[in-house]
């Protein structure tokens, strides 16, 4: 399961933090929830494409948040370089 790598990997959670990680060049892979609002996710997708960062789509914000160990959903999560 591709989400398994999120459990112990260094990561940032949430769209603002993911955008910062992408801009700084720290993001290795970005997970985006399919049910998140497009106006939130499209700029992240565009930034990933521009910086050549792998994108993994996840079924829901709830699953993404739960996988990261938080009690709320998350629209985006990035695995970062340490």
C-alpha atoms as a PDB file:
ATOM      1  CA  UNK A   1       0.000   0.000   0.000  1.00  0.00           C
ATOM      2  CA  UNK A   2       1.586   3.292  -1.076  1.00  0.00           C
ATOM      3  CA  UNK A   3       0.200   5.190   1.930  1.00  0.00           C
ATOM      4  CA  UNK A   4       2.269   3.032   4.294  1.00  0.00           C
ATOM      5  CA  UNK A   5       5.346   5.147   3.589  1.00  0.00           C
ATOM      6  CA  UNK A   6       3.602   8.146   5.179  1.00  0.00           C
ATOM      7  CA  UNK A   7       3.505   6.591   8.644  1.00  0.00           C
ATOM      8  CA  UNK A   8       7.204   6.991   9.502  1.00  0.00           C
ATOM      9  CA  UNK A   9       8.527   9.298   6.800  1.00  0.00           C
ATOM     10  CA  UNK A  10       9.383  12.922   7.598  1.00  0.00           C
ATOM     11  CA  UNK A  11       6.387  14.909   6.371  1.00  0.00           C
ATOM     12  CA  UNK A  12       4.446  18.132   6.447  1.00  0.00           C
ATOM     13  CA  UNK A  13       0.667  18.110   6.671  1.00  0.00           C
ATOM     14  CA  UNK A  14      -1.742  20.680   5.249  1.00  0.00           C
ATOM     15  CA  UNK A  15      -1.853  22.753   2.108  1.00  0.00           C
ATOM     16  CA  UNK A  16       0.103  25.751   3.436  1.00  0.00           C
ATOM     17  CA  UNK A  17       2.949  23.598   4.709  1.00  0.00           C
ATOM     18  CA  UNK A  18       2.992  21.511   1.524  1.00  0.00           C
ATOM     19  CA  UNK A  19       3.178  24.665  -0.627  1.00  0.00           C
ATOM     20  CA  UNK A  20       6.105  25.921   1.469  1.00  0.00           C
ATOM     21  CA  UNK A  21       7.933  22.585   1.176  1.00  0.00           C
ATOM     22  CA  UNK A  22       7.482  22.574  -2.600  1.00  0.00           C
ATOM     23  CA  UNK A  23       8.676  26.181  -2.920  1.00  0.00           C
ATOM     24  CA  UNK A  24      11.786  25.462  -0.826  1.00  0.00           C
ATOM     25  CA  UNK A  25      12.544  22.316  -2.818  1.00  0.00           C
ATOM     26  CA  UNK A  26      12.128  20.044   0.226  1.00  0.00           C
ATOM     27  CA  UNK A  27       9.177  17.963  -1.019  1.00  0.00           C
ATOM     28  CA  UNK A  28       9.971  14.527  -2.485  1.00  0.00           C
ATOM     29  CA  UNK A  29       6.416  13.274  -2.984  1.00  0.00           C
ATOM     30  CA  UNK A  30       3.029  14.904  -2.499  1.00  0.00           C
ATOM     31  CA  UNK A  31      -0.222  13.162  -1.586  1.00  0.00           C
ATOM     32  CA  UNK A  32      -3.442  14.935  -2.540  1.00  0.00           C
ATOM     33  CA  UNK A  33      -6.969  13.945  -1.472  1.00  0.00           C
ATOM     34  CA  UNK A  34      -9.379  13.427  -4.384  1.00  0.00           C
ATOM     35  CA  UNK A  35     -12.296  14.912  -2.428  1.00  0.00           C
ATOM     36  CA  UNK A  36     -10.517  18.172  -1.562  1.00  0.00           C
ATOM     37  CA  UNK A  37     -11.715  21.355  -3.250  1.00  0.00           C
ATOM     38  CA  UNK A  38     -10.069  21.888  -6.663  1.00  0.00           C
ATOM     39  CA  UNK A  39      -9.251  25.544  -5.908  1.00  0.00           C
ATOM     40  CA  UNK A  40      -7.094  24.234  -3.050  1.00  0.00           C
ATOM     41  CA  UNK A  41      -5.446  21.311  -4.820  1.00  0.00           C
ATOM     42  CA  UNK A  42      -4.878  22.681  -8.332  1.00  0.00           C
ATOM     43  CA  UNK A  43      -2.119  25.153  -7.312  1.00  0.00           C
ATOM     44  CA  UNK A  44      -0.347  22.322  -5.477  1.00  0.00           C
ATOM     45  CA  UNK A  45      -0.610  20.041  -8.522  1.00  0.00           C
ATOM     46  CA  UNK A  46       0.731  22.808 -10.766  1.00  0.00           C
ATOM     47  CA  UNK A  47       3.672  23.466  -8.432  1.00  0.00           C
ATOM     48  CA  UNK A  48       4.479  19.746  -8.345  1.00  0.00           C
ATOM     49  CA  UNK A  49       4.440  19.506 -12.123  1.00  0.00           C
ATOM     50  CA  UNK A  50       6.649  22.580 -12.401  1.00  0.00           C
ATOM     51  CA  UNK A  51       9.194  21.177  -9.918  1.00  0.00           C
ATOM     52  CA  UNK A  52       8.890  17.593 -11.212  1.00  0.00           C
ATOM     53  CA  UNK A  53       7.600  16.214  -7.884  1.00  0.00           C
ATOM     54  CA  UNK A  54       5.684  12.937  -7.835  1.00  0.00           C
ATOM     55  CA  UNK A  55       1.974  13.229  -7.009  1.00  0.00           C
ATOM     56  CA  UNK A  56      -0.068  10.425  -5.441  1.00  0.00           C
ATOM     57  CA  UNK A  57      -3.855  10.814  -5.354  1.00  0.00           C
ATOM     58  CA  UNK A  58      -5.619   9.499  -2.242  1.00  0.00           C
ATOM     59  CA  UNK A  59      -9.304   8.575  -2.054  1.00  0.00           C
ATOM     60  CA  UNK A  60     -10.288  11.027   0.684  1.00  0.00           C
ATOM     61  CA  UNK A  61      -9.114  13.725   3.067  1.00  0.00           C
ATOM     62  CA  UNK A  62     -10.208  11.509   5.969  1.00  0.00           C
ATOM     63  CA  UNK A  63      -7.977   8.622   4.855  1.00  0.00           C
ATOM     64  CA  UNK A  64      -5.035  10.954   4.295  1.00  0.00           C
ATOM     65  CA  UNK A  65      -5.388  12.559   7.725  1.00  0.00           C
ATOM     66  CA  UNK A  66      -5.875   9.223   9.471  1.00  0.00           C
ATOM     67  CA  UNK A  67      -2.799   7.735   7.769  1.00  0.00           C
ATOM     68  CA  UNK A  68      -0.746  10.666   9.060  1.00  0.00           C
ATOM     69  CA  UNK A  69      -2.005  10.108  12.590  1.00  0.00           C
ATOM     70  CA  UNK A  70      -4.209  13.177  12.904  1.00  0.00           C
ATOM     71  CA  UNK A  71      -7.884  13.267  13.873  1.00  0.00           C
ATOM     72  CA  UNK A  72      -8.991  15.530  11.028  1.00  0.00           C
ATOM     73  CA  UNK A  73      -8.838  15.240   7.261  1.00  0.00           C
ATOM     74  CA  UNK A  74      -6.040  16.725   5.204  1.00  0.00           C
ATOM     75  CA  UNK A  75      -6.166  17.913   1.613  1.00  0.00           C
ATOM     76  CA  UNK A  76      -2.423  17.478   1.086  1.00  0.00           C
ATOM     77  CA  UNK A  77       0.650  15.913   2.670  1.00  0.00           C
ATOM     78  CA  UNK A  78       4.242  16.007   1.460  1.00  0.00           C
ATOM     79  CA  UNK A  79       7.097  13.651   2.241  1.00  0.00           C
ATOM     80  CA  UNK A  80      10.098  15.883   2.719  1.00  0.00           C
ATOM     81  CA  UNK A  81      13.854  15.563   2.630  1.00  0.00           C
ATOM     82  CA  UNK A  82      15.310  15.489   6.112  1.00  0.00           C
END
